[in-house]
Amino acid sequence: MKKNDILEVYIDEVEFPSKGIAKVGDNNILIKNAIKGQKVKIRITKKRKDKIEGKILEVLERAPMEKEPFCKHFGICGGCSYQTISYNDQLNMKSDQVLKLLKDAEIGDFEYLGIEPSPIEYDYRNKMEFTFGDVEKGGELTLGMHQKGKFYEIVTVDGCKIVDEDFIKVLTNILGYFKEKGVALYNKRSHEGVLRHLVVRKAMKTGELLINLVTSSQQQLNLNELIERLKGIDFQGELVGFLHTINDNLSDTVQSDETRVLFGRDYIIEEILGLRFKISAFSFFQTNTLGAEKLYSIVRDFAGDKKDKLIYDLYCGTGTIAQIMAAVASKVIGIEIVEEAVEAAKENAKLNGLDNCHFIAGDVMEKVSELKEQPDLIILDPPRDGIHPKAIHKIIDFEPEEFIYVSCNPRSLARDLPIFEERGYKVEKVKCMDMFPHTPHVEAAILMTYCGSGKE
């Protein structure tokens, strides 16, 4: 077996996240976006002593559990790779994958509370970043998502099922407008042109809709006609703002050199568990509002009544968890590295009339050393990479009675938990939360208590 060989293999098992394993002789081949039981044609992309990787060229036979996809873009769009699997089977797969990672990390003897499904299976996203492009080089203008496995080609996802009708109305109307006007697409190869991205946010509880058009500065655009067209659309929700962001950065990400408010305001109001949150164009906020309510309810249940207790919320983002916990704590202190998120957290705490939340801008690794009060509970919600190795021992040094670890990446979670156990903490409860139906992603919440001594 060597690089670029073409093989036909069966997927014997799948590890998180959606990484298939095909056994060929004594070799295990890792294959992304595979489903257990599929027969696939692959090309060997990497061949090393310790690892062989392959890429799917064609699915020759579906897995026995697979059904017809629900979206017309399946197989072309790079999203929703699990949609040929029933939702119940998706949940079981994710649950099994998390438990295997914990078992392999020698984390056991805990109460497993199962996996909580997303309250809604479709139309669940409250934010989408669409990209302007073309189906093929020099082809007709498109607006949507990257084609599967490709960097340049974009498919117009006007049949997407994980957003509601308002997102589709915005997408199709803006695409149609720029087709009529003949405005040039921004070319990611030559870095010439205008149209780059479209970011749409919609609050699920209030229905407020915010549109952010991202272009280069290479052409002066008068967008009044487009805005009037959008204001005339019969949305299910309410259009509260239209922004125009200028981005001349060469990378293919949504960034702001300048953002102008052309209509309304630059934020929406969302509600979670009775609290209100202002979400700006660039704020981080969980993309499944109803799922976030479930996840934060799990955290609150794990914490119990902490009315006379001090809580640290590390990697607090815009302070959503901190504010939800404020009702059952004497004081909550949050730390977040993104300054804009901290300002949003402070503003939202005022909006909700909470005076026992305090937020600090800075790197957790540095700022925890400045905290002098002894917390009763520390809540951790780190980014996908998990807790920085230099920060984890500083955090554990506080020796709170309990830790709650919220993870969006079970792999980094399984890497971090043994360190807590070595330092005297016992994993008591584990519960998974599915925030992203039809994708491989899953969240997990962990409750740990201090036992007073590390592993022997």
Protein backbone atom coordinates (compact mmCIF):
# COMPACT_ATOMS: atom_id res chain seq x y z
CA MET A 1 0.00 0.00 0.00
CA LYS A 2 1.36 3.40 -0.97
CA LYS A 3 0.22 7.00 -1.37
CA ASN A 4 -2.38 7.59 -4.15
CA ASP A 5 -3.37 3.91 -4.29
CA ILE A 6 -7.10 3.44 -4.98
CA LEU A 7 -8.84 0.89 -2.75
CA GLU A 8 -12.35 -0.39 -2.05
CA VAL A 9 -12.89 -0.88 1.69
CA TYR A 10 -15.57 -1.34 4.32
CA ILE A 11 -15.83 1.05 7.28
CA ASP A 12 -15.49 -1.16 10.35
CA GLU A 13 -15.92 1.50 13.02
CA VAL A 14 -16.15 5.26 13.47
CA GLU A 15 -14.37 7.41 16.05
CA PHE A 16 -15.24 10.97 17.04
CA PRO A 17 -15.65 13.09 14.98
CA SER A 18 -16.86 11.07 12.00
CA LYS A 19 -13.47 9.45 11.44
CA GLY A 20 -13.95 6.02 9.89
CA ILE A 21 -11.55 3.13 10.33
CA ALA A 22 -11.12 0.53 7.59
CA LYS A 23 -9.04 -2.54 8.40
CA VAL A 24 -6.93 -3.82 5.50
CA GLY A 25 -4.67 -6.67 6.53
CA ASP A 26 -2.72 -5.46 9.55
CA ASN A 27 -3.33 -1.82 8.67
CA ASN A 28 -5.95 0.62 9.94
CA ILE A 29 -6.86 3.35 7.46
CA LEU A 30 -8.39 6.54 8.84
CA ILE A 31 -11.08 8.03 6.59
CA LYS A 32 -12.91 11.29 7.29
CA ASN A 33 -16.71 11.67 6.98
CA ALA A 34 -17.41 7.95 6.93
CA ILE A 35 -20.26 5.93 8.42
CA LYS A 36 -19.89 2.48 9.95
CA GLY A 37 -20.97 -0.20 7.48
CA GLN A 38 -20.33 1.76 4.29
CA LYS A 39 -18.36 0.32 1.38
CA VAL A 40 -16.30 3.13 -0.11
CA LYS A 41 -13.74 3.75 -2.82
CA ILE A 42 -10.83 5.69 -1.34
CA ARG A 43 -7.50 7.17 -2.34
CA ILE A 44 -4.60 6.87 0.09
CA THR A 45 -3.62 10.44 0.96
CA LYS A 46 -1.00 9.80 3.68
CA LYS A 47 1.22 6.81 4.31
CA ARG A 48 3.43 6.86 7.37
CA LYS A 49 4.72 4.22 9.74
CA ASP A 50 2.22 5.17 12.43
CA LYS A 51 -0.70 6.42 10.34
CA ILE A 52 -2.44 5.75 7.03
CA GLU A 53 -5.15 8.14 5.85
CA GLY A 54 -7.56 7.92 2.95
CA LYS A 55 -10.12 10.14 1.25
CA ILE A 56 -13.52 8.94 0.05
CA LEU A 57 -13.89 9.15 -3.72
CA GLU A 58 -17.24 7.40 -3.90
CA VAL A 59 -19.70 5.64 -1.60
CA LEU A 60 -20.21 2.26 -3.28
CA GLU A 61 -22.69 0.88 -0.74
CA ARG A 62 -24.59 2.72 1.96
CA ALA A 63 -24.46 1.46 5.52
CA PRO A 64 -27.46 -0.68 6.57
CA MET A 65 -28.64 2.11 8.91
CA GLU A 66 -28.66 4.77 6.17
CA LYS A 67 -31.76 6.23 4.55
CA GLU A 68 -32.46 8.80 1.84
CA PRO A 69 -31.09 12.30 2.60
CA PHE A 70 -33.63 15.00 3.43
CA CYS A 71 -31.75 17.85 1.73
CA LYS A 72 -31.31 18.33 -2.02
CA HIS A 73 -27.76 19.64 -1.45
CA PHE A 74 -26.52 16.46 0.26
CA GLY A 75 -23.32 15.14 -1.27
CA ILE A 76 -22.49 18.53 -2.80
CA CYS A 77 -22.61 20.78 0.28
CA GLY A 78 -19.98 19.98 2.89
CA GLY A 79 -22.40 20.14 5.85
CA CYS A 80 -24.86 17.74 7.55
CA SER A 81 -22.84 14.61 6.80
CA TYR A 82 -25.04 12.49 9.15
CA GLN A 83 -28.38 13.28 7.51
CA THR A 84 -28.72 9.81 5.95
CA ILE A 85 -28.86 8.38 9.50
CA SER A 86 -32.02 8.56 11.62
CA TYR A 87 -31.79 11.09 14.43
CA ASN A 88 -32.05 8.38 17.09
CA ASP A 89 -29.12 6.51 15.51
CA GLN A 90 -27.12 9.75 15.38
CA LEU A 91 -27.65 10.23 19.11
CA ASN A 92 -26.62 6.66 19.88
CA MET A 93 -23.46 7.00 17.75
CA LYS A 94 -22.41 10.23 19.44
CA SER A 95 -23.11 8.83 22.90
CA ASP A 96 -21.06 5.69 22.18
CA GLN A 97 -18.16 7.75 20.79
CA VAL A 98 -17.96 9.94 23.89
CA LEU A 99 -18.11 6.94 26.22
CA LYS A 100 -15.34 5.20 24.25
CA LEU A 101 -13.09 8.26 24.50
CA LEU A 102 -13.63 8.37 28.27
CA LYS A 103 -13.03 4.64 28.61
CA ASP A 104 -9.80 4.87 26.59
CA ALA A 105 -8.71 7.69 28.93
CA GLU A 106 -9.42 5.37 31.89
CA ILE A 107 -12.22 7.57 33.18
CA GLY A 108 -14.86 5.32 34.73
CA ASP A 109 -17.14 4.67 37.69
CA PHE A 110 -19.34 7.69 36.95
CA GLU A 111 -23.07 8.14 36.54
CA TYR A 112 -23.83 8.41 32.84
CA LEU A 113 -26.99 10.41 32.25
CA GLY A 114 -27.24 9.72 28.53
CA ILE A 115 -27.48 12.18 25.67
CA GLU A 116 -30.03 14.99 25.50
CA PRO A 117 -31.43 15.49 21.98
CA SER A 118 -31.74 18.91 20.43
CA PRO A 119 -35.27 20.23 21.12
CA ILE A 120 -35.71 20.66 17.36
CA GLU A 121 -34.07 18.54 14.66
CA TYR A 122 -34.41 21.04 11.78
CA ASP A 123 -34.37 24.86 11.47
CA TYR A 124 -32.26 25.02 14.62
CA ARG A 125 -29.44 27.39 13.65
CA ASN A 126 -29.61 31.04 14.70
CA LYS A 127 -26.57 32.09 12.65
CA MET A 128 -25.22 31.29 9.18
CA GLU A 129 -22.11 32.52 7.40
CA PHE A 130 -22.73 32.24 3.66
CA THR A 131 -19.97 32.73 1.08
CA PHE A 132 -20.24 34.30 -2.37
CA GLY A 133 -18.67 32.20 -5.10
CA ASP A 134 -19.33 30.21 -8.24
CA VAL A 135 -20.08 26.58 -9.01
CA GLU A 136 -17.07 26.47 -11.30
CA LYS A 137 -14.35 28.96 -12.22
CA GLY A 138 -15.91 31.88 -14.08
CA GLY A 139 -19.41 30.44 -13.67
CA GLU A 140 -22.65 31.97 -12.45
CA LEU A 141 -22.64 33.79 -9.11
CA THR A 142 -23.60 31.59 -6.15
CA LEU A 143 -24.17 32.25 -2.46
CA GLY A 144 -24.07 29.54 0.16
CA MET A 145 -21.68 26.91 1.49
CA HIS A 146 -18.42 25.40 0.27
CA GLN A 147 -18.82 22.33 -1.88
CA LYS A 148 -17.72 19.16 -0.12
CA GLY A 149 -13.94 18.84 -0.07
CA LYS A 150 -13.37 22.02 -2.10
CA PHE A 151 -12.01 25.46 -1.20
CA TYR A 152 -13.16 27.69 -4.04
CA GLU A 153 -16.46 26.28 -5.32
CA ILE A 154 -19.67 27.39 -3.56
CA VAL A 155 -23.14 25.81 -3.79
CA THR A 156 -26.27 27.99 -3.31
CA VAL A 157 -28.04 26.27 -0.40
CA ASP A 158 -31.56 27.57 -1.00
CA GLY A 159 -32.95 24.26 0.24
CA CYS A 160 -31.00 24.11 3.52
CA LYS A 161 -33.03 22.41 6.27
CA ILE A 162 -31.12 23.46 9.37
CA VAL A 163 -32.20 27.11 9.06
CA ASP A 164 -35.71 28.51 8.84
CA GLU A 165 -37.41 30.20 5.87
CA ASP A 166 -36.19 33.70 6.77
CA PHE A 167 -32.56 32.71 6.16
CA ILE A 168 -33.49 31.34 2.73
CA LYS A 169 -35.47 34.48 1.87
CA VAL A 170 -32.47 36.66 2.73
CA LEU A 171 -30.07 34.44 0.77
CA THR A 172 -32.16 34.22 -2.41
CA ASN A 173 -33.10 37.91 -2.47
CA ILE A 174 -29.56 39.15 -1.94
CA LEU A 175 -28.17 36.70 -4.50
CA GLY A 176 -30.83 37.75 -7.02
CA TYR A 177 -30.11 41.44 -6.43
CA PHE A 178 -26.37 41.13 -7.09
CA LYS A 179 -26.97 38.96 -10.15
CA GLU A 180 -29.18 41.74 -11.54
CA LYS A 181 -26.61 44.41 -10.76
CA GLY A 182 -23.66 42.40 -12.06
CA VAL A 183 -21.47 43.16 -9.02
CA ALA A 184 -18.18 41.28 -9.17
CA LEU A 185 -17.41 38.31 -6.95
CA TYR A 186 -14.28 38.60 -4.79
CA ASN A 187 -11.76 36.20 -6.30
CA LYS A 188 -9.86 34.33 -3.59
CA ARG A 189 -7.01 33.59 -5.99
CA SER A 190 -6.39 37.07 -7.42
CA HIS A 191 -7.89 38.97 -4.44
CA GLU A 192 -9.84 41.16 -6.84
CA GLY A 193 -13.58 41.80 -6.77
CA VAL A 194 -16.20 42.82 -4.24
CA LEU A 195 -18.68 40.26 -2.84
CA ARG A 196 -17.28 38.10 -0.04
CA HIS A 197 -19.69 36.88 2.67
CA LEU A 198 -23.21 37.22 4.02
CA VAL A 199 -23.80 36.69 7.75
CA VAL A 200 -27.39 36.24 8.93
CA ARG A 201 -28.41 36.05 12.59
CA LYS A 202 -31.93 35.44 13.87
CA ALA A 203 -33.06 35.24 17.48
CA MET A 204 -35.24 32.18 17.95
CA LYS A 205 -37.25 33.58 20.87
CA THR A 206 -37.77 37.19 19.70
CA GLY A 207 -37.62 36.63 15.92
CA GLU A 208 -35.23 39.56 15.44
CA LEU A 209 -33.19 39.33 12.22
CA LEU A 210 -29.79 40.93 11.55
CA ILE A 211 -28.07 40.94 8.13
CA ASN A 212 -24.37 41.68 7.63
CA LEU A 213 -23.06 41.97 4.05
CA VAL A 214 -19.27 41.59 3.84
CA THR A 215 -17.43 43.02 0.83
CA SER A 216 -14.02 44.33 -0.13
CA SER A 217 -13.47 48.08 -0.51
CA GLN A 218 -12.76 47.76 -4.23
CA GLN A 219 -16.13 49.20 -5.33
CA GLN A 220 -18.37 51.82 -3.77
CA LEU A 221 -21.80 50.20 -3.28
CA ASN A 222 -25.10 52.01 -2.88
CA LEU A 223 -27.20 49.45 -1.00
CA ASN A 224 -30.34 51.53 -0.41
CA GLU A 225 -32.33 49.71 -3.10
CA LEU A 226 -31.33 46.32 -1.67
CA ILE A 227 -32.30 47.37 1.85
CA GLU A 228 -35.72 48.62 0.69
CA ARG A 229 -36.26 45.30 -1.10
CA LEU A 230 -35.40 43.38 2.07
CA LYS A 231 -37.64 45.61 4.22
CA GLY A 232 -40.54 44.72 1.92
CA ILE A 233 -40.18 40.96 2.44
CA ASP A 234 -42.80 39.19 4.56
CA PHE A 235 -40.43 37.59 7.08
CA GLN A 236 -41.66 35.29 9.83
CA GLY A 237 -39.49 37.39 12.14
CA GLU A 238 -38.58 41.08 12.03
CA LEU A 239 -35.65 42.67 10.21
CA VAL A 240 -34.03 44.96 12.82
CA GLY A 241 -30.72 45.79 11.18
CA PHE A 242 -28.63 45.75 8.00
CA LEU A 243 -24.85 46.13 8.29
CA HIS A 244 -22.14 46.56 5.66
CA THR A 245 -18.74 45.25 6.70
CA ILE A 246 -15.60 46.12 4.73
CA ASN A 247 -12.99 43.35 4.80
CA ASP A 248 -9.77 43.57 2.76
CA ASN A 249 -7.99 40.81 4.67
CA LEU A 250 -6.59 38.14 2.35
CA SER A 251 -7.79 35.18 4.44
CA ASP A 252 -11.19 33.68 3.69
CA THR A 253 -12.72 34.58 7.05
CA VAL A 254 -15.29 37.15 8.15
CA GLN A 255 -13.32 40.05 9.62
CA SER A 256 -14.08 43.75 9.94
CA ASP A 257 -11.89 46.62 8.82
CA GLU A 258 -14.99 48.77 9.18
CA THR A 259 -18.65 47.99 9.85
CA ARG A 260 -21.39 50.48 8.95
CA VAL A 261 -24.98 50.35 10.16
CA LEU A 262 -27.08 51.13 7.08
CA PHE A 263 -30.46 50.34 8.63
CA GLY A 264 -31.73 49.82 12.17
CA ARG A 265 -29.27 48.57 14.80
CA ASP A 266 -26.19 46.38 15.00
CA TYR A 267 -27.54 43.70 17.35
CA ILE A 268 -30.43 41.36 18.06
CA ILE A 269 -31.97 40.43 21.40
CA GLU A 270 -32.22 36.74 22.27
CA GLU A 271 -33.69 35.10 25.36
CA ILE A 272 -32.34 32.09 27.24
CA LEU A 273 -33.89 30.74 30.45
CA GLY A 274 -35.66 34.02 31.13
CA LEU A 275 -32.59 36.23 30.58
CA ARG A 276 -32.08 38.61 27.66
CA PHE A 277 -28.86 38.88 25.67
CA LYS A 278 -27.72 41.46 23.12
CA ILE A 279 -25.92 39.67 20.29
CA SER A 280 -23.87 41.84 17.94
CA ALA A 281 -22.69 40.91 14.46
CA PHE A 282 -19.42 39.46 15.71
CA SER A 283 -20.41 38.17 19.17
CA PHE A 284 -19.99 34.49 19.98
CA PHE A 285 -23.30 32.90 20.91
CA GLN A 286 -24.37 29.28 20.82
CA THR A 287 -25.87 28.68 17.37
CA ASN A 288 -28.71 26.48 18.65
CA THR A 289 -30.73 28.64 21.07
CA LEU A 290 -33.07 25.92 22.32
CA GLY A 291 -30.15 23.49 22.58
CA ALA A 292 -28.21 26.07 24.60
CA GLU A 293 -31.10 26.31 27.05
CA LYS A 294 -30.91 22.55 27.55
CA LEU A 295 -27.11 22.61 27.94
CA TYR A 296 -27.16 25.45 30.46
CA SER A 297 -29.97 23.75 32.36
CA ILE A 298 -27.72 20.70 32.71
CA VAL A 299 -24.96 22.94 34.09
CA ARG A 300 -27.38 24.56 36.53
CA ASP A 301 -28.67 21.16 37.66
CA PHE A 302 -25.11 19.92 38.22
CA ALA A 303 -24.29 23.02 40.26
CA GLY A 304 -27.33 22.84 42.51
CA ASP A 305 -28.07 25.66 44.95
CA LYS A 306 -25.00 27.83 45.46
CA LYS A 307 -26.71 30.88 46.96
CA ASP A 308 -23.94 31.53 49.47
CA LYS A 309 -21.18 30.36 47.16
CA LEU A 310 -18.58 31.92 44.86
CA ILE A 311 -18.36 30.63 41.29
CA TYR A 312 -15.60 31.15 38.73
CA ASP A 313 -16.70 30.89 35.09
CA LEU A 314 -13.52 30.44 33.07
CA TYR A 315 -13.57 30.85 29.27
CA CYS A 316 -16.88 32.63 29.88
CA GLY A 317 -17.42 34.11 26.38
CA THR A 318 -20.25 36.64 26.53
CA GLY A 319 -21.06 35.50 30.05
CA THR A 320 -24.15 33.45 29.31
CA ILE A 321 -23.43 30.68 31.83
CA ALA A 322 -22.23 33.19 34.43
CA GLN A 323 -25.49 35.11 34.26
CA ILE A 324 -27.60 31.97 34.39
CA MET A 325 -25.65 30.89 37.50
CA ALA A 326 -25.91 34.35 39.10
CA ALA A 327 -29.43 33.58 40.30
CA VAL A 328 -28.17 30.66 42.42
CA ALA A 329 -24.81 32.11 43.57
CA SER A 330 -23.59 34.91 45.79
CA LYS A 331 -21.06 36.02 43.18
CA VAL A 332 -19.78 34.89 39.78
CA ILE A 333 -16.43 35.94 38.28
CA GLY A 334 -15.89 35.29 34.57
CA ILE A 335 -12.66 35.40 32.53
CA GLU A 336 -12.56 35.61 28.73
CA ILE A 337 -9.69 36.46 26.35
CA VAL A 338 -11.87 38.23 23.73
CA GLU A 339 -12.33 41.80 24.92
CA GLU A 340 -15.45 42.41 22.82
CA ALA A 341 -17.08 39.37 24.44
CA VAL A 342 -16.28 40.71 27.91
CA GLU A 343 -17.82 44.09 27.07
CA ALA A 344 -20.91 42.27 25.79
CA ALA A 345 -21.02 40.22 29.01
CA LYS A 346 -20.94 43.36 31.14
CA GLU A 347 -23.65 44.99 29.02
CA ASN A 348 -25.87 41.91 29.19
CA ALA A 349 -25.46 41.66 32.97
CA LYS A 350 -26.74 45.26 33.22
CA LEU A 351 -29.59 44.40 30.84
CA ASN A 352 -30.60 41.58 33.16
CA GLY A 353 -30.20 43.61 36.36
CA LEU A 354 -27.45 41.36 37.71
CA ASP A 355 -25.00 43.06 40.06
CA ASN A 356 -23.21 39.92 41.30
CA CYS A 357 -21.47 39.12 37.97
CA HIS A 358 -17.94 40.42 37.37
CA PHE A 359 -16.03 39.91 34.13
CA ILE A 360 -12.29 40.11 33.44
CA ALA A 361 -10.72 40.43 29.99
CA GLY A 362 -7.57 38.38 29.48
CA ASP A 363 -6.01 34.96 29.02
CA VAL A 364 -7.24 32.44 31.61
CA MET A 365 -3.66 31.16 31.94
CA GLU A 366 -2.54 34.58 33.21
CA LYS A 367 -5.61 36.02 34.88
CA VAL A 368 -6.36 33.09 37.22
CA SER A 369 -3.14 33.99 39.06
CA GLU A 370 -4.68 37.37 39.92
CA LEU A 371 -7.81 35.87 41.51
CA LYS A 372 -7.48 35.79 45.30
CA GLU A 373 -10.89 34.58 46.50
CA GLN A 374 -11.51 30.88 47.12
CA PRO A 375 -14.23 29.57 44.76
CA ASP A 376 -16.69 26.88 45.75
CA LEU A 377 -17.31 25.90 42.11
CA ILE A 378 -15.35 26.45 38.92
CA ILE A 379 -17.14 26.15 35.57
CA LEU A 380 -14.93 25.51 32.55
CA ASP A 381 -16.11 25.97 28.96
CA PRO A 382 -12.86 26.04 26.97
CA PRO A 383 -12.44 26.26 23.18
CA ARG A 384 -12.09 23.14 21.05
CA ASP A 385 -8.44 22.67 21.98
CA GLY A 386 -9.39 22.27 25.64
CA ILE A 387 -7.53 23.77 28.60
CA HIS A 388 -3.99 24.99 27.95
CA PRO A 389 -1.49 22.62 29.66
CA LYS A 390 0.08 25.58 31.49
CA ALA A 391 -3.30 26.77 32.76
CA ILE A 392 -4.83 23.51 33.94
CA HIS A 393 -2.72 23.11 37.10
CA LYS A 394 -3.17 26.78 38.03
CA ILE A 395 -6.93 26.23 37.81
CA ILE A 396 -6.87 23.02 39.85
CA ASP A 397 -4.69 24.73 42.49
CA PHE A 398 -7.81 26.58 43.69
CA GLU A 399 -9.13 23.22 44.91
CA PRO A 400 -12.84 24.11 44.73
CA GLU A 401 -15.37 21.62 46.02
CA GLU A 402 -16.58 21.00 42.46
CA PHE A 403 -15.72 21.52 38.82
CA ILE A 404 -18.20 21.54 35.94
CA TYR A 405 -16.46 21.04 32.59
CA VAL A 406 -18.49 21.86 29.47
CA SER A 407 -16.78 20.53 26.37
CA CYS A 408 -17.45 21.04 22.66
CA ASN A 409 -14.68 18.54 21.82
CA PRO A 410 -14.78 15.19 23.62
CA ARG A 411 -11.22 14.44 22.46
CA SER A 412 -9.68 17.34 24.36
CA LEU A 413 -12.03 16.58 27.27
CA ALA A 414 -10.71 13.00 27.46
CA ARG A 415 -7.16 14.38 27.44
CA ASP A 416 -7.84 16.84 30.29
CA LEU A 417 -9.92 14.74 32.70
CA PRO A 418 -7.13 12.36 33.80
CA ILE A 419 -5.17 15.41 35.03
CA PHE A 420 -8.07 16.35 37.30
CA GLU A 421 -8.25 12.79 38.60
CA GLU A 422 -4.51 12.77 39.31
CA ARG A 423 -5.04 15.91 41.37
CA GLY A 424 -7.78 14.38 43.52
CA TYR A 425 -11.01 14.96 41.60
CA LYS A 426 -13.58 12.28 40.83
CA VAL A 427 -15.79 12.37 37.75
CA GLU A 428 -19.27 11.96 39.25
CA LYS A 429 -21.68 12.68 36.38
CA VAL A 430 -21.46 12.81 32.59
CA LYS A 431 -24.21 14.00 30.26
CA CYS A 432 -24.00 14.67 26.52
CA MET A 433 -25.97 17.35 24.70
CA ASP A 434 -26.59 17.29 20.96
CA MET A 435 -26.42 20.87 19.76
CA PHE A 436 -25.87 20.10 16.08
CA PRO A 437 -28.23 17.47 14.61
CA HIS A 438 -27.06 15.82 11.36
CA THR A 439 -23.40 16.69 12.05
CA PRO A 440 -20.72 14.71 13.93
CA HIS A 441 -20.40 17.33 16.70
CA VAL A 442 -21.58 16.83 20.27
CA GLU A 443 -21.18 18.63 23.62
CA ALA A 444 -20.59 17.03 27.00
CA ALA A 445 -21.04 18.29 30.55
CA ILE A 446 -19.00 16.76 33.38
CA LEU A 447 -19.41 17.16 37.15
CA MET A 448 -16.30 16.50 39.27
CA THR A 449 -15.98 16.60 43.06
CA TYR A 450 -12.89 16.91 45.23
CA CYS A 451 -11.94 13.75 47.07
CA GLY A 452 -8.88 15.11 48.85
CA SER A 453 -6.19 12.96 47.28
CA GLY A 454 -5.00 12.01 43.82
CA LYS A 455 -4.82 8.63 42.19
CA GLU A 456 -2.51 6.14 43.83
